[in-house]
Amino acid sequence: MKPLPTLLGLLVATATLSGCASIVSKSNWPVTFHSNPSGANISIVNKRGVEVYSGSTPATMKLKSGAGFFSKESYTVTYKLDGYDMKKVNLECKVNGWYIGNVLIGGLIGFLIVDPATGAMYKLEKDFMEESLVQSSAATTMAAPDQPSLKILTKNDLPADWAKHLVPVK
């Protein structure tokens, strides 16, 4: 084998693998959101406070893992459903394993420029989020003002001035 073609092939391979995570991986990650019960409204806000998604569960969308040069993104997901307590959950990013490939292969450009600039050096921690919502205690004890409701009280629960209006039942 001739040394020049081998050396040229090695240089081409090194140049093309210089941004290992950018080539092998990605910087936008699909995430699926579920809630129990389903149909909850969700709002996803990034670390700058910008709402990047608003909709209802179940939902799947792609979220960016990078928030700028050498800066990972993070999200706050808010679940809301009438009759249930609002729930906020954080979704963080971690270092992508493919980013370490730059060190092993010798891709200094990928390690210091390409992967940090594209956000490919990070990966979302989860690709599936399912949250169980807790029924609101306020919803179980008090109906909305425009909704008819029935609340059963014992004699001891009644205000004192109501007691004079009670009629015995036989």
C-alpha atoms as a PDB file:
ATOM      1  CA  MET A   1       0.000   0.000   0.000  1.00  0.00           C
ATOM      2  CA  LYS A   2       1.273   3.465  -0.866  1.00  0.00           C
ATOM      3  CA  PRO A   3       1.847   5.812   2.088  1.00  0.00           C
ATOM      4  CA  LEU A   4       0.450   8.951   0.336  1.00  0.00           C
ATOM      5  CA  PRO A   5      -3.110   7.638  -0.313  1.00  0.00           C
ATOM      6  CA  THR A   6      -3.206   6.178   3.206  1.00  0.00           C
ATOM      7  CA  LEU A   7      -2.089   9.487   4.727  1.00  0.00           C
ATOM      8  CA  LEU A   8      -4.572  11.407   2.552  1.00  0.00           C
ATOM      9  CA  GLY A   9      -7.396   9.060   3.597  1.00  0.00           C
ATOM     10  CA  LEU A  10      -6.466   9.531   7.244  1.00  0.00           C
ATOM     11  CA  LEU A  11      -6.485  13.329   6.877  1.00  0.00           C
ATOM     12  CA  VAL A  12      -9.892  13.284   5.153  1.00  0.00           C
ATOM     13  CA  ALA A  13     -11.320  11.027   7.867  1.00  0.00           C
ATOM     14  CA  THR A  14      -9.959  13.296  10.611  1.00  0.00           C
ATOM     15  CA  ALA A  15     -11.366  16.400   8.926  1.00  0.00           C
ATOM     16  CA  THR A  16     -14.816  14.886   8.455  1.00  0.00           C
ATOM     17  CA  LEU A  17     -14.953  13.588  12.032  1.00  0.00           C
ATOM     18  CA  SER A  18     -13.800  16.871  13.541  1.00  0.00           C
ATOM     19  CA  GLY A  19     -17.293  17.620  14.853  1.00  0.00           C
ATOM     20  CA  CYS A  20     -18.121  14.160  16.152  1.00  0.00           C
ATOM     21  CA  ALA A  21     -21.408  14.916  17.949  1.00  0.00           C
ATOM     22  CA  SER A  22     -22.564  17.181  15.104  1.00  0.00           C
ATOM     23  CA  ILE A  23     -22.008  14.408  12.568  1.00  0.00           C
ATOM     24  CA  VAL A  24     -23.097  11.317  14.489  1.00  0.00           C
ATOM     25  CA  SER A  25     -25.738  12.898  16.723  1.00  0.00           C
ATOM     26  CA  LYS A  26     -28.043  15.952  16.567  1.00  0.00           C
ATOM     27  CA  SER A  27     -28.893  19.198  18.339  1.00  0.00           C
ATOM     28  CA  ASN A  28     -32.726  18.967  18.206  1.00  0.00           C
ATOM     29  CA  TRP A  29     -34.217  16.091  20.190  1.00  0.00           C
ATOM     30  CA  PRO A  30     -37.753  14.674  20.039  1.00  0.00           C
ATOM     31  CA  VAL A  31     -39.531  14.589  23.397  1.00  0.00           C
ATOM     32  CA  THR A  32     -42.984  13.117  24.088  1.00  0.00           C
ATOM     33  CA  PHE A  33     -45.137  14.550  26.876  1.00  0.00           C
ATOM     34  CA  HIS A  34     -47.991  12.606  28.510  1.00  0.00           C
ATOM     35  CA  SER A  35     -50.134  13.346  31.526  1.00  0.00           C
ATOM     36  CA  ASN A  36     -52.450  11.299  33.677  1.00  0.00           C
ATOM     37  CA  PRO A  37     -55.222  12.208  33.057  1.00  0.00           C
ATOM     38  CA  SER A  38     -54.505  13.127  29.460  1.00  0.00           C
ATOM     39  CA  GLY A  39     -55.642  16.366  27.875  1.00  0.00           C
ATOM     40  CA  ALA A  40     -53.689  18.645  30.210  1.00  0.00           C
ATOM     41  CA  ASN A  41     -52.500  21.964  28.803  1.00  0.00           C
ATOM     42  CA  ILE A  42     -48.723  22.159  28.698  1.00  0.00           C
ATOM     43  CA  SER A  43     -46.465  25.139  28.316  1.00  0.00           C
ATOM     44  CA  ILE A  44     -42.740  24.696  27.680  1.00  0.00           C
ATOM     45  CA  VAL A  45     -40.499  27.661  28.498  1.00  0.00           C
ATOM     46  CA  ASN A  46     -36.738  27.751  27.848  1.00  0.00           C
ATOM     47  CA  LYS A  47     -34.163  29.145  30.288  1.00  0.00           C
ATOM     48  CA  ARG A  48     -34.477  32.633  28.760  1.00  0.00           C
ATOM     49  CA  GLY A  49     -38.186  32.655  29.632  1.00  0.00           C
ATOM     50  CA  VAL A  50     -39.398  32.236  26.035  1.00  0.00           C
ATOM     51  CA  GLU A  51     -42.362  29.917  25.523  1.00  0.00           C
ATOM     52  CA  VAL A  52     -41.301  27.414  22.862  1.00  0.00           C
ATOM     53  CA  TYR A  53     -44.462  25.294  22.905  1.00  0.00           C
ATOM     54  CA  SER A  54     -48.049  25.511  24.075  1.00  0.00           C
ATOM     55  CA  GLY A  55     -50.554  22.705  23.539  1.00  0.00           C
ATOM     56  CA  SER A  56     -52.111  19.713  25.251  1.00  0.00           C
ATOM     57  CA  THR A  57     -51.035  16.206  26.128  1.00  0.00           C
ATOM     58  CA  PRO A  58     -50.162  13.888  24.564  1.00  0.00           C
ATOM     59  CA  ALA A  59     -47.674  15.869  22.490  1.00  0.00           C
ATOM     60  CA  THR A  60     -44.342  15.281  20.776  1.00  0.00           C
ATOM     61  CA  MET A  61     -41.990  18.016  19.630  1.00  0.00           C
ATOM     62  CA  LYS A  62     -38.314  18.637  18.965  1.00  0.00           C
ATOM     63  CA  LEU A  63     -36.438  20.711  21.519  1.00  0.00           C
ATOM     64  CA  LYS A  64     -32.993  22.260  21.112  1.00  0.00           C
ATOM     65  CA  SER A  65     -30.248  21.064  23.420  1.00  0.00           C
ATOM     66  CA  GLY A  66     -27.991  24.101  23.033  1.00  0.00           C
ATOM     67  CA  ALA A  67     -28.664  27.673  24.164  1.00  0.00           C
ATOM     68  CA  GLY A  68     -25.620  29.308  22.621  1.00  0.00           C
ATOM     69  CA  PHE A  69     -21.888  28.739  22.432  1.00  0.00           C
ATOM     70  CA  PHE A  70     -20.889  26.284  25.224  1.00  0.00           C
ATOM     71  CA  SER A  71     -24.310  26.800  26.835  1.00  0.00           C
ATOM     72  CA  LYS A  72     -26.802  24.008  27.419  1.00  0.00           C
ATOM     73  CA  GLU A  73     -30.550  24.597  27.287  1.00  0.00           C
ATOM     74  CA  SER A  74     -33.026  23.842  30.046  1.00  0.00           C
ATOM     75  CA  TYR A  75     -36.814  23.890  30.019  1.00  0.00           C
ATOM     76  CA  THR A  76     -39.653  24.284  32.490  1.00  0.00           C
ATOM     77  CA  VAL A  77     -42.746  22.276  31.575  1.00  0.00           C
ATOM     78  CA  THR A  78     -46.007  23.405  33.196  1.00  0.00           C
ATOM     79  CA  TYR A  79     -49.002  21.059  33.247  1.00  0.00           C
ATOM     80  CA  LYS A  80     -52.476  22.563  33.867  1.00  0.00           C
ATOM     81  CA  LEU A  81     -55.871  20.864  33.899  1.00  0.00           C
ATOM     82  CA  ASP A  82     -59.124  22.111  35.413  1.00  0.00           C
ATOM     83  CA  GLY A  83     -59.771  20.416  38.745  1.00  0.00           C
ATOM     84  CA  TYR A  84     -56.092  19.458  39.202  1.00  0.00           C
ATOM     85  CA  ASP A  85     -53.116  21.147  40.815  1.00  0.00           C
ATOM     86  CA  MET A  86     -50.706  22.830  38.410  1.00  0.00           C
ATOM     87  CA  LYS A  87     -47.420  20.931  38.109  1.00  0.00           C
ATOM     88  CA  LYS A  88     -44.024  22.287  37.002  1.00  0.00           C
ATOM     89  CA  VAL A  89     -41.229  19.951  35.933  1.00  0.00           C
ATOM     90  CA  ASN A  90     -37.702  20.786  34.764  1.00  0.00           C
ATOM     91  CA  LEU A  91     -36.142  19.204  31.697  1.00  0.00           C
ATOM     92  CA  GLU A  92     -32.357  19.553  31.607  1.00  0.00           C
ATOM     93  CA  CYS A  93     -29.581  18.766  29.149  1.00  0.00           C
ATOM     94  CA  LYS A  94     -26.391  16.836  29.792  1.00  0.00           C
ATOM     95  CA  VAL A  95     -23.148  16.368  27.842  1.00  0.00           C
ATOM     96  CA  ASN A  96     -23.664  14.175  24.777  1.00  0.00           C
ATOM     97  CA  GLY A  97     -21.439  11.076  24.802  1.00  0.00           C
ATOM     98  CA  TRP A  98     -20.542  11.626  21.154  1.00  0.00           C
ATOM     99  CA  TYR A  99     -18.924  14.945  22.108  1.00  0.00           C
ATOM    100  CA  ILE A 100     -16.207  12.981  23.928  1.00  0.00           C
ATOM    101  CA  GLY A 101     -15.466  11.301  20.570  1.00  0.00           C
ATOM    102  CA  ASN A 102     -13.682  14.522  19.580  1.00  0.00           C
ATOM    103  CA  VAL A 103     -11.030  13.851  22.230  1.00  0.00           C
ATOM    104  CA  LEU A 104     -10.541  10.238  21.146  1.00  0.00           C
ATOM    105  CA  ILE A 105     -10.363  10.988  17.427  1.00  0.00           C
ATOM    106  CA  GLY A 106      -8.450  14.235  17.782  1.00  0.00           C
ATOM    107  CA  GLY A 107     -11.087  16.617  16.426  1.00  0.00           C
ATOM    108  CA  LEU A 108      -9.962  19.834  18.110  1.00  0.00           C
ATOM    109  CA  ILE A 109     -12.144  21.934  15.794  1.00  0.00           C
ATOM    110  CA  GLY A 110     -15.190  19.848  16.675  1.00  0.00           C
ATOM    111  CA  PHE A 111     -14.330  19.921  20.375  1.00  0.00           C
ATOM    112  CA  LEU A 112     -13.853  23.681  20.640  1.00  0.00           C
ATOM    113  CA  ILE A 113     -15.979  25.137  17.814  1.00  0.00           C
ATOM    114  CA  VAL A 114     -18.399  22.943  15.854  1.00  0.00           C
ATOM    115  CA  ASP A 115     -20.173  20.946  18.587  1.00  0.00           C
ATOM    116  CA  PRO A 116     -20.374  23.841  21.101  1.00  0.00           C
ATOM    117  CA  ALA A 117     -21.722  26.208  18.427  1.00  0.00           C
ATOM    118  CA  THR A 118     -24.373  23.813  17.082  1.00  0.00           C
ATOM    119  CA  GLY A 119     -25.492  22.595  20.524  1.00  0.00           C
ATOM    120  CA  ALA A 120     -24.681  18.994  19.556  1.00  0.00           C
ATOM    121  CA  MET A 121     -22.341  18.715  22.553  1.00  0.00           C
ATOM    122  CA  TYR A 122     -25.506  18.423  24.697  1.00  0.00           C
ATOM    123  CA  LYS A 123     -28.402  15.971  24.791  1.00  0.00           C
ATOM    124  CA  LEU A 124     -31.761  16.194  26.572  1.00  0.00           C
ATOM    125  CA  GLU A 125     -31.879  13.986  29.670  1.00  0.00           C
ATOM    126  CA  LYS A 126     -35.266  12.481  28.769  1.00  0.00           C
ATOM    127  CA  ASP A 127     -37.108  11.700  25.551  1.00  0.00           C
ATOM    128  CA  PHE A 128     -40.372  10.789  27.322  1.00  0.00           C
ATOM    129  CA  MET A 129     -42.053  12.605  30.195  1.00  0.00           C
ATOM    130  CA  GLU A 130     -45.205  11.350  31.886  1.00  0.00           C
ATOM    131  CA  GLU A 131     -46.618  13.231  34.850  1.00  0.00           C
ATOM    132  CA  SER A 132     -49.520  12.259  37.102  1.00  0.00           C
ATOM    133  CA  LEU A 133     -51.612  15.232  38.106  1.00  0.00           C
ATOM    134  CA  VAL A 134     -53.101  15.483  41.603  1.00  0.00           C
ATOM    135  CA  GLN A 135     -56.752  16.377  41.930  1.00  0.00           C
ATOM    136  CA  SER A 136     -57.052  19.811  43.486  1.00  0.00           C
ATOM    137  CA  SER A 137     -58.341  19.904  47.047  1.00  0.00           C
ATOM    138  CA  ALA A 138     -60.100  23.172  46.208  1.00  0.00           C
ATOM    139  CA  ALA A 139     -61.934  21.427  43.364  1.00  0.00           C
ATOM    140  CA  THR A 140     -63.235  18.701  45.644  1.00  0.00           C
ATOM    141  CA  THR A 141     -64.523  21.072  48.342  1.00  0.00           C
ATOM    142  CA  MET A 142     -65.766  23.994  46.304  1.00  0.00           C
ATOM    143  CA  ALA A 143     -67.257  24.113  42.821  1.00  0.00           C
ATOM    144  CA  ALA A 144     -66.586  26.976  40.438  1.00  0.00           C
ATOM    145  CA  PRO A 145     -68.909  29.954  41.034  1.00  0.00           C
ATOM    146  CA  ASP A 146     -70.811  29.432  37.779  1.00  0.00           C
ATOM    147  CA  GLN A 147     -71.274  25.689  38.387  1.00  0.00           C
ATOM    148  CA  PRO A 148     -74.149  24.288  40.473  1.00  0.00           C
ATOM    149  CA  SER A 149     -72.966  22.121  43.344  1.00  0.00           C
ATOM    150  CA  LEU A 150     -74.226  20.061  46.249  1.00  0.00           C
ATOM    151  CA  LYS A 151     -72.421  20.051  49.563  1.00  0.00           C
ATOM    152  CA  ILE A 152     -73.747  17.913  52.416  1.00  0.00           C
ATOM    153  CA  LEU A 153     -73.172  19.272  55.906  1.00  0.00           C
ATOM    154  CA  THR A 154     -73.811  17.833  59.356  1.00  0.00           C
ATOM    155  CA  LYS A 155     -75.666  19.857  61.971  1.00  0.00           C
ATOM    156  CA  ASN A 156     -72.330  20.634  63.637  1.00  0.00           C
ATOM    157  CA  ASP A 157     -70.951  22.097  60.367  1.00  0.00           C
ATOM    158  CA  LEU A 158     -73.767  24.657  60.064  1.00  0.00           C
ATOM    159  CA  PRO A 159     -73.349  28.256  61.171  1.00  0.00           C
ATOM    160  CA  ALA A 160     -75.224  28.963  64.450  1.00  0.00           C
ATOM    161  CA  ASP A 161     -77.707  31.389  62.862  1.00  0.00           C
ATOM    162  CA  TRP A 162     -78.814  28.683  60.384  1.00  0.00           C
ATOM    163  CA  ALA A 163     -79.793  26.243  63.154  1.00  0.00           C
ATOM    164  CA  LYS A 164     -83.052  28.121  63.874  1.00  0.00           C
ATOM    165  CA  HIS A 165     -84.222  27.362  60.311  1.00  0.00           C
ATOM    166  CA  LEU A 166     -83.826  23.578  60.610  1.00  0.00           C
ATOM    167  CA  VAL A 167     -86.899  21.408  60.316  1.00  0.00           C
ATOM    168  CA  PRO A 168     -86.906  17.894  61.788  1.00  0.00           C
ATOM    169  CA  VAL A 169     -87.466  15.070  59.294  1.00  0.00           C
ATOM    170  CA  LYS A 170     -89.610  12.095  60.430  1.00  0.00           C
END
